[in-house]
N, C-alpha and C. Protein backbone atom coordinates (compact mmCIF):
# COMPACT_ATOMS: atom_id res chain seq x y z
N UNK A 1 111.25 134.69 69.45
CA UNK A 1 112.55 133.45 69.34
C UNK A 1 111.61 132.14 70.07
N UNK A 2 111.41 131.17 69.61
CA UNK A 2 110.71 130.15 69.89
C UNK A 2 111.99 129.45 71.19
N UNK A 3 111.38 128.72 72.06
CA UNK A 3 111.89 128.30 73.02
C UNK A 3 112.36 126.91 72.58
N UNK A 4 112.98 126.04 73.54
CA UNK A 4 113.24 124.80 73.41
C UNK A 4 112.28 123.49 72.72
N UNK A 5 112.93 122.73 72.19
CA UNK A 5 111.98 121.55 71.27
C UNK A 5 111.06 120.74 72.88
N UNK A 6 110.14 120.58 72.49
CA UNK A 6 109.51 119.73 73.39
C UNK A 6 110.54 118.45 73.98
N UNK A 7 110.14 117.75 74.82
CA UNK A 7 110.66 116.53 74.93
C UNK A 7 109.83 115.34 74.10
N UNK A 8 110.53 114.14 73.58
CA UNK A 8 109.77 113.58 72.99
C UNK A 8 108.68 112.72 73.31
N UNK A 9 107.80 112.61 72.50
CA UNK A 9 106.28 112.27 73.08
C UNK A 9 105.49 113.47 73.39
N UNK A 10 106.00 114.34 73.20
CA UNK A 10 104.96 115.74 74.22
C UNK A 10 104.48 116.47 73.09
N UNK A 11 103.67 117.30 73.29
CA UNK A 11 103.25 118.29 72.34
C UNK A 11 103.88 119.78 72.99
N UNK A 12 103.93 120.56 72.30
CA UNK A 12 104.00 122.44 72.41
C UNK A 12 103.01 122.48 73.37
N UNK A 13 102.89 123.28 74.74
CA UNK A 13 102.14 123.98 75.32
C UNK A 13 101.34 125.01 74.55
N UNK A 14 100.39 125.67 74.29
CA UNK A 14 99.74 126.39 73.68
C UNK A 14 100.17 128.01 73.90
N UNK A 15 100.81 128.26 75.43
CA UNK A 15 100.73 129.55 75.88
C UNK A 15 101.76 129.63 76.58
N UNK A 16 102.57 128.50 76.79
CA UNK A 16 103.56 128.90 77.44
C UNK A 16 105.22 127.79 76.49
N UNK A 17 105.80 129.02 76.13
CA UNK A 17 106.88 127.92 75.61
C UNK A 17 107.92 126.59 76.19
N UNK A 18 107.60 127.06 77.55
CA UNK A 18 108.27 125.82 78.66
C UNK A 18 107.52 125.07 79.29
N UNK A 19 106.24 124.64 78.72
CA UNK A 19 105.44 124.02 79.27
C UNK A 19 104.57 122.55 77.93
N UNK A 20 105.36 121.31 78.00
CA UNK A 20 105.06 120.33 77.07
C UNK A 20 103.96 119.49 77.85
N UNK A 21 103.09 118.80 76.84
CA UNK A 21 101.93 117.82 77.46
C UNK A 21 102.01 116.58 76.65
N UNK A 22 101.47 115.69 77.45
CA UNK A 22 101.27 114.57 76.54
C UNK A 22 99.58 113.89 77.20
N UNK A 23 98.71 113.46 76.41
CA UNK A 23 97.43 112.73 77.17
C UNK A 23 97.12 111.18 76.37
N UNK A 24 95.84 111.13 77.03
CA UNK A 24 95.80 109.59 76.14
C UNK A 24 94.80 108.89 76.82
N UNK A 25 93.43 108.51 76.12
CA UNK A 25 91.90 108.13 76.42
C UNK A 25 91.82 107.01 75.78
N UNK A 26 92.22 105.96 76.22
CA UNK A 26 91.14 104.49 75.65
C UNK A 26 90.18 103.93 76.31
N UNK A 27 89.27 102.98 75.76
CA UNK A 27 88.45 103.01 76.30
C UNK A 27 87.26 101.99 75.59
N UNK A 28 86.65 101.05 75.87
CA UNK A 28 85.85 100.24 74.90
C UNK A 28 84.51 100.10 75.73
N UNK A 29 83.32 99.82 74.82
CA UNK A 29 82.24 99.33 75.21
C UNK A 29 81.73 98.20 75.49
N UNK A 30 83.12 97.14 75.22
CA UNK A 30 82.92 95.48 74.90
C UNK A 30 83.99 94.96 75.96
N UNK A 31 83.45 94.66 77.53
CA UNK A 31 84.52 94.00 78.15
C UNK A 31 84.09 92.78 78.57
N UNK A 32 84.28 91.51 78.40
CA UNK A 32 84.23 90.31 78.73
C UNK A 32 84.95 90.20 79.96
N UNK A 33 83.97 89.48 81.01
CA UNK A 33 85.22 88.75 81.91
C UNK A 33 84.60 87.50 83.04
N UNK A 34 85.24 87.08 83.16
CA UNK A 34 85.18 85.48 83.78
C UNK A 34 85.44 85.67 84.94
N UNK A 35 85.37 86.29 86.28
CA UNK A 35 86.20 86.27 87.71
C UNK A 35 85.65 85.00 88.59
N UNK A 36 86.69 84.48 88.70
CA UNK A 36 86.72 83.70 90.09
C UNK A 36 87.16 83.67 90.97
N UNK A 37 86.74 83.73 92.82
CA UNK A 37 87.45 84.06 93.65
C UNK A 37 86.79 82.49 94.51
N UNK A 38 88.22 82.22 94.93
CA UNK A 38 88.19 80.84 96.26
C UNK A 38 88.63 81.62 97.29
N UNK A 39 87.76 81.66 98.71
CA UNK A 39 88.02 81.85 99.53
C UNK A 39 87.31 80.84 100.82
N UNK A 40 87.95 80.86 101.99
CA UNK A 40 87.81 79.88 102.80
C UNK A 40 87.16 80.69 104.15
N UNK A 41 86.22 80.18 104.52
CA UNK A 41 85.44 80.70 105.52
C UNK A 41 85.71 79.86 106.97
N UNK A 42 86.07 80.56 108.12
CA UNK A 42 86.50 79.68 109.32
C UNK A 42 85.34 79.93 110.02
N UNK A 43 84.25 78.76 110.60
CA UNK A 43 82.87 79.38 111.30
C UNK A 43 83.66 78.87 112.62
N UNK A 44 83.77 80.34 113.85
CA UNK A 44 83.98 79.61 115.02
C UNK A 44 82.61 79.56 115.62
N UNK A 45 82.21 78.11 116.69
CA UNK A 45 81.41 78.10 117.41
C UNK A 45 81.87 77.58 118.99
N UNK A 46 80.72 77.58 119.86
CA UNK A 46 81.01 77.60 121.08
C UNK A 46 81.09 75.84 121.48
N UNK A 47 80.94 74.85 120.51
CA UNK A 47 81.08 73.61 120.05
C UNK A 47 82.68 72.89 119.60
N UNK A 48 82.96 73.92 118.40
CA UNK A 48 83.88 73.72 117.67
C UNK A 48 84.14 74.57 116.44
N UNK A 49 84.87 74.64 115.41
CA UNK A 49 84.98 75.10 114.48
C UNK A 49 85.13 74.68 113.02
N UNK A 50 84.59 75.45 112.24
CA UNK A 50 84.63 74.73 110.77
C UNK A 50 85.24 75.19 109.43
N UNK A 51 85.58 74.76 108.88
CA UNK A 51 86.00 75.43 107.45
C UNK A 51 85.27 75.37 106.12
N UNK A 52 84.53 76.44 106.21
CA UNK A 52 84.36 76.12 104.56
C UNK A 52 84.36 76.74 103.45
N UNK A 53 84.80 76.06 102.69
CA UNK A 53 85.22 76.18 101.29
C UNK A 53 84.43 77.07 100.04
N UNK A 54 84.79 78.25 100.09
CA UNK A 54 83.75 79.17 99.11
C UNK A 54 83.84 79.51 97.75
N UNK A 55 83.58 79.29 96.68
CA UNK A 55 83.93 79.96 95.24
C UNK A 55 83.04 80.57 95.24
N UNK A 56 83.14 82.23 94.47
CA UNK A 56 82.27 83.25 93.84
C UNK A 56 82.61 83.53 92.49
N UNK A 57 82.05 82.85 91.41
CA UNK A 57 82.07 83.34 89.67
C UNK A 57 81.27 84.15 89.54
N UNK A 58 81.54 85.08 88.47
CA UNK A 58 80.51 85.99 87.93
C UNK A 58 81.41 86.29 86.32
N UNK A 59 80.31 85.34 85.63
CA UNK A 59 80.54 85.02 84.07
C UNK A 59 80.02 86.63 83.65
N UNK A 60 80.65 87.49 82.91
CA UNK A 60 80.19 88.74 82.87
C UNK A 60 79.95 88.84 81.37
N UNK A 61 78.68 88.77 80.11
CA UNK A 61 79.30 89.19 78.84
C UNK A 61 78.98 90.33 78.77
N UNK A 62 78.51 91.05 79.49
CA UNK A 62 78.27 93.03 78.79
C UNK A 62 79.53 93.44 80.07
N UNK A 63 79.79 94.78 79.65
CA UNK A 63 80.67 95.43 80.83
C UNK A 63 81.70 96.60 79.46
N UNK A 64 82.14 97.37 80.38
CA UNK A 64 83.07 98.67 79.90
C UNK A 64 84.33 98.94 80.44
N UNK A 65 85.50 99.53 79.71
CA UNK A 65 86.28 100.12 80.55
C UNK A 65 86.66 101.46 79.99
N UNK A 66 87.18 102.33 80.79
CA UNK A 66 87.96 103.39 80.32
C UNK A 66 89.24 103.94 81.11
N UNK A 67 89.96 104.43 80.39
CA UNK A 67 91.22 104.07 81.23
C UNK A 67 92.23 105.50 80.17
N UNK A 68 92.62 106.83 81.48
CA UNK A 68 93.05 108.15 81.15
C UNK A 68 94.40 108.11 81.77
N UNK A 69 95.02 108.91 80.73
CA UNK A 69 96.55 109.42 81.31
C UNK A 69 96.94 110.70 81.10
N UNK A 70 97.63 111.52 81.66
CA UNK A 70 97.97 112.94 81.21
C UNK A 70 99.48 112.93 82.23
N UNK A 71 100.19 113.52 81.10
CA UNK A 71 101.17 114.67 81.51
C UNK A 71 101.54 115.47 81.30
N UNK A 72 102.31 116.16 82.44
CA UNK A 72 103.00 117.48 81.99
C UNK A 72 103.86 117.89 82.59
N UNK A 73 105.05 118.64 81.80
CA UNK A 73 106.06 118.93 82.16
C UNK A 73 106.32 120.62 81.91
N UNK A 74 106.79 121.14 82.84
CA UNK A 74 107.16 122.52 83.38
C UNK A 74 108.45 122.88 83.50
N UNK A 75 108.88 123.67 82.52
CA UNK A 75 110.62 124.29 82.93
C UNK A 75 110.71 125.37 83.44
N UNK A 76 111.04 125.49 84.67
CA UNK A 76 110.89 126.58 85.73
C UNK A 76 112.20 127.76 85.19
N UNK A 77 113.22 126.98 85.22
CA UNK A 77 114.52 127.88 84.79
C UNK A 77 115.27 126.51 84.01
N UNK A 78 116.25 127.05 83.51
CA UNK A 78 117.36 126.37 82.51
C UNK A 78 117.75 124.90 83.05
N UNK A 79 117.74 125.19 84.46
CA UNK A 79 118.29 123.58 84.85
C UNK A 79 117.15 123.62 86.08
N UNK A 80 115.71 123.88 86.36
CA UNK A 80 114.95 123.80 87.02
C UNK A 80 113.52 123.07 86.20
N UNK A 81 113.26 122.00 86.66
CA UNK A 81 111.78 121.72 85.96
C UNK A 81 110.92 120.89 86.80
N UNK A 82 109.82 120.79 86.57
CA UNK A 82 108.73 120.05 87.66
C UNK A 82 107.50 119.04 86.12
N UNK A 83 107.37 117.71 86.90
CA UNK A 83 106.54 116.70 86.35
C UNK A 83 105.16 116.57 86.64
N UNK A 84 104.25 116.92 86.65
CA UNK A 84 103.30 116.16 87.11
C UNK A 84 102.31 115.09 86.00
N UNK A 85 101.93 114.02 86.45
CA UNK A 85 101.38 112.90 86.21
C UNK A 85 100.03 112.53 86.79
N UNK A 86 98.97 111.89 85.98
CA UNK A 86 97.91 111.76 86.44
C UNK A 86 97.35 109.98 85.66
N UNK A 87 96.76 109.37 86.22
CA UNK A 87 96.29 108.32 85.85
C UNK A 87 95.08 107.96 86.26
N UNK A 88 93.84 107.84 85.58
CA UNK A 88 92.66 107.11 86.15
C UNK A 88 92.35 105.98 85.24
N UNK A 89 91.57 104.94 86.03
CA UNK A 89 90.59 103.91 85.23
C UNK A 89 89.38 103.78 85.90
N UNK A 90 88.59 102.88 84.85
CA UNK A 90 87.09 102.60 85.37
C UNK A 90 86.59 101.37 84.49
N UNK A 91 86.83 100.22 85.16
CA UNK A 91 85.80 98.74 85.03
C UNK A 91 84.68 98.52 85.30
N UNK A 92 83.71 98.07 84.57
CA UNK A 92 82.60 97.62 85.36
C UNK A 92 81.97 96.80 84.14
N UNK A 93 81.27 95.60 84.95
CA UNK A 93 81.06 94.21 83.75
C UNK A 93 79.46 93.99 84.89
N UNK A 94 78.54 93.56 84.20
CA UNK A 94 77.32 92.74 84.63
C UNK A 94 76.98 91.66 84.18
N UNK A 95 76.87 90.32 85.00
CA UNK A 95 76.27 89.35 84.55
C UNK A 95 75.82 88.26 85.66
N UNK A 96 76.42 86.85 85.70
CA UNK A 96 75.41 85.94 86.23
C UNK A 96 76.35 85.86 87.34
N UNK A 97 75.77 85.93 88.88
CA UNK A 97 77.02 85.73 89.69
C UNK A 97 76.73 84.24 90.42
N UNK A 98 77.20 84.02 91.07
CA UNK A 98 77.24 82.23 91.45
C UNK A 98 77.57 81.98 92.45
N UNK A 99 77.33 81.74 93.87
CA UNK A 99 78.14 81.33 95.06
C UNK A 99 78.31 79.84 95.26
N UNK A 100 78.99 79.24 95.33
CA UNK A 100 78.96 77.67 95.67
C UNK A 100 79.93 77.19 97.32
N UNK A 101 79.18 77.06 98.43
CA UNK A 101 79.96 76.53 99.40
C UNK A 101 79.89 74.86 100.09
N UNK A 102 80.92 74.69 100.41
CA UNK A 102 80.36 73.26 101.27
C UNK A 102 81.63 73.35 102.20
N UNK A 103 81.48 72.21 103.30
CA UNK A 103 82.31 72.25 104.52
C UNK A 103 83.59 71.51 104.24
N UNK A 104 84.53 72.02 104.12
CA UNK A 104 85.93 71.96 103.56
C UNK A 104 86.41 70.94 105.20
N UNK A 105 86.17 71.03 106.21
CA UNK A 105 86.63 70.32 107.60
C UNK A 105 86.00 70.68 108.84
N UNK A 106 86.01 69.93 109.68
CA UNK A 106 85.09 69.92 110.56
C UNK A 106 86.44 70.27 111.71
N UNK A 107 86.76 71.18 112.83
CA UNK A 107 87.61 71.01 113.84
C UNK A 107 87.75 70.39 114.86
N UNK A 108 86.58 70.03 115.39
CA UNK A 108 86.35 69.02 116.64
C UNK A 108 85.53 68.04 116.31
N UNK A 109 85.78 67.38 115.63
CA UNK A 109 85.08 65.95 115.12
C UNK A 109 85.09 64.82 116.27
N UNK A 110 85.89 64.66 117.46
CA UNK A 110 86.10 64.08 118.53
C UNK A 110 84.73 63.84 119.30
N UNK A 111 84.20 64.93 119.13
CA UNK A 111 82.84 65.53 119.97
C UNK A 111 81.82 64.96 119.76
N UNK A 112 81.73 64.54 118.13
CA UNK A 112 80.80 63.50 117.62
C UNK A 112 79.49 64.46 116.75
N UNK A 113 79.79 65.77 116.47
CA UNK A 113 78.75 66.99 116.28
C UNK A 113 78.47 66.77 114.73
N UNK A 114 78.05 67.01 113.83
CA UNK A 114 77.81 66.85 112.31
C UNK A 114 78.17 68.14 112.19
N UNK A 115 78.68 68.31 111.02
CA UNK A 115 78.95 70.04 110.63
C UNK A 115 78.01 70.58 110.77
N UNK A 116 78.07 71.79 110.77
CA UNK A 116 76.72 72.85 111.15
C UNK A 116 76.76 73.57 110.19
N UNK A 117 77.40 74.18 109.18
CA UNK A 117 77.32 75.01 108.14
C UNK A 117 76.67 74.00 106.92
N UNK A 118 76.32 74.66 106.19
CA UNK A 118 75.61 74.08 104.98
C UNK A 118 76.28 73.85 103.96
N UNK A 119 76.45 72.80 102.85
CA UNK A 119 76.77 73.16 101.72
C UNK A 119 75.63 73.48 101.30
N UNK A 120 75.72 74.72 99.73
CA UNK A 120 74.85 75.10 98.98
C UNK A 120 75.43 75.64 97.94
N UNK A 121 74.43 76.32 97.22
CA UNK A 121 74.47 77.71 96.11
C UNK A 121 73.43 78.41 95.91
N UNK A 122 74.07 79.31 95.25
CA UNK A 122 73.00 80.41 94.85
C UNK A 122 73.46 81.61 93.52
N UNK A 123 72.14 81.60 93.02
CA UNK A 123 72.63 82.37 91.38
C UNK A 123 71.91 83.91 92.34
N UNK A 124 72.86 84.65 91.60
CA UNK A 124 72.12 86.25 91.24
C UNK A 124 72.48 86.32 89.65
N UNK A 125 71.41 86.77 88.86
CA UNK A 125 71.33 86.86 87.76
C UNK A 125 71.70 88.36 87.49
N UNK A 126 71.97 88.88 88.46
CA UNK A 126 72.02 90.58 88.18
C UNK A 126 72.91 91.04 89.15
N UNK A 127 74.27 90.40 88.77
CA UNK A 127 75.53 90.80 89.69
C UNK A 127 76.23 91.80 88.75
N UNK A 128 77.22 92.37 89.77
CA UNK A 128 78.05 93.59 88.82
C UNK A 128 79.40 93.90 89.48
N UNK A 129 80.66 93.79 88.57
CA UNK A 129 81.71 94.24 89.33
C UNK A 129 82.41 95.20 88.91
N UNK A 130 83.01 96.13 89.75
CA UNK A 130 83.20 97.58 89.26
C UNK A 130 84.59 97.78 90.07
N UNK A 131 85.65 97.90 89.43
CA UNK A 131 86.99 98.78 89.98
C UNK A 131 87.27 99.93 89.10
N UNK A 132 88.13 101.02 89.81
CA UNK A 132 88.23 101.90 89.90
C UNK A 132 89.78 102.46 90.51
N UNK A 133 90.63 103.30 89.78
CA UNK A 133 91.85 103.51 90.29
C UNK A 133 91.81 105.12 89.64
N UNK A 134 92.66 105.79 90.62
CA UNK A 134 93.26 107.43 90.45
C UNK A 134 94.84 107.48 91.17
N UNK A 135 95.74 107.92 90.44
CA UNK A 135 97.06 108.25 90.88
C UNK A 135 97.44 109.45 90.48
N UNK A 136 98.16 109.85 91.16
CA UNK A 136 98.79 111.29 91.00
C UNK A 136 99.90 111.01 91.35
N UNK A 137 101.38 111.88 90.48
CA UNK A 137 102.47 112.11 91.08
C UNK A 137 103.26 113.45 90.45
N UNK A 138 104.26 113.62 91.26
CA UNK A 138 104.64 114.91 91.11
C UNK A 138 105.94 115.00 91.14
N UNK A 139 107.04 115.22 90.53
CA UNK A 139 108.56 115.41 90.61
C UNK A 139 108.79 116.62 90.46
N UNK A 140 110.26 116.96 90.75
CA UNK A 140 110.97 118.09 90.57
C UNK A 140 112.46 117.47 89.79
N UNK A 141 112.55 118.17 88.65
CA UNK A 141 114.25 117.86 88.00
C UNK A 141 115.19 118.65 88.14
N UNK A 142 116.29 118.47 88.83
CA UNK A 142 116.99 119.48 88.85
C UNK A 142 118.54 118.71 87.64
N UNK A 143 118.88 120.22 86.85
CA UNK A 143 120.22 119.29 86.19
C UNK A 143 121.28 120.47 86.48
N UNK A 144 122.52 119.67 86.89
CA UNK A 144 124.04 120.23 87.14
C UNK A 144 124.58 120.11 86.22
């Protein structure tokens, strides 16, 4: 005798009528990115402090991403069940990285010292940005 119908959006497990599952995988070999990160650097010295405004820019015409999801429902008894899920993702782009900085403020100008931090920029033609994540979960379902 077949077990109960699977939950909506789930498939029936091949060996156990009390096991339902679903999964998905998406990805692309084409991921275009323009990443900009502005941050301040506070330089402490024996004579005074300076704040340096720095911007990092990554223009990446090449990259890829992949994301996968899986979920399973186990019926342990008529009123007891468990749910397990997992999700993972990977994102990577390669492009031209550029760092630009300038002195935003000298915090001790009364001493008459010029800013010690030098403004400037630098390019890196082979910069890579990679991000990944993994999440797991488990829940117990009790029905009264």
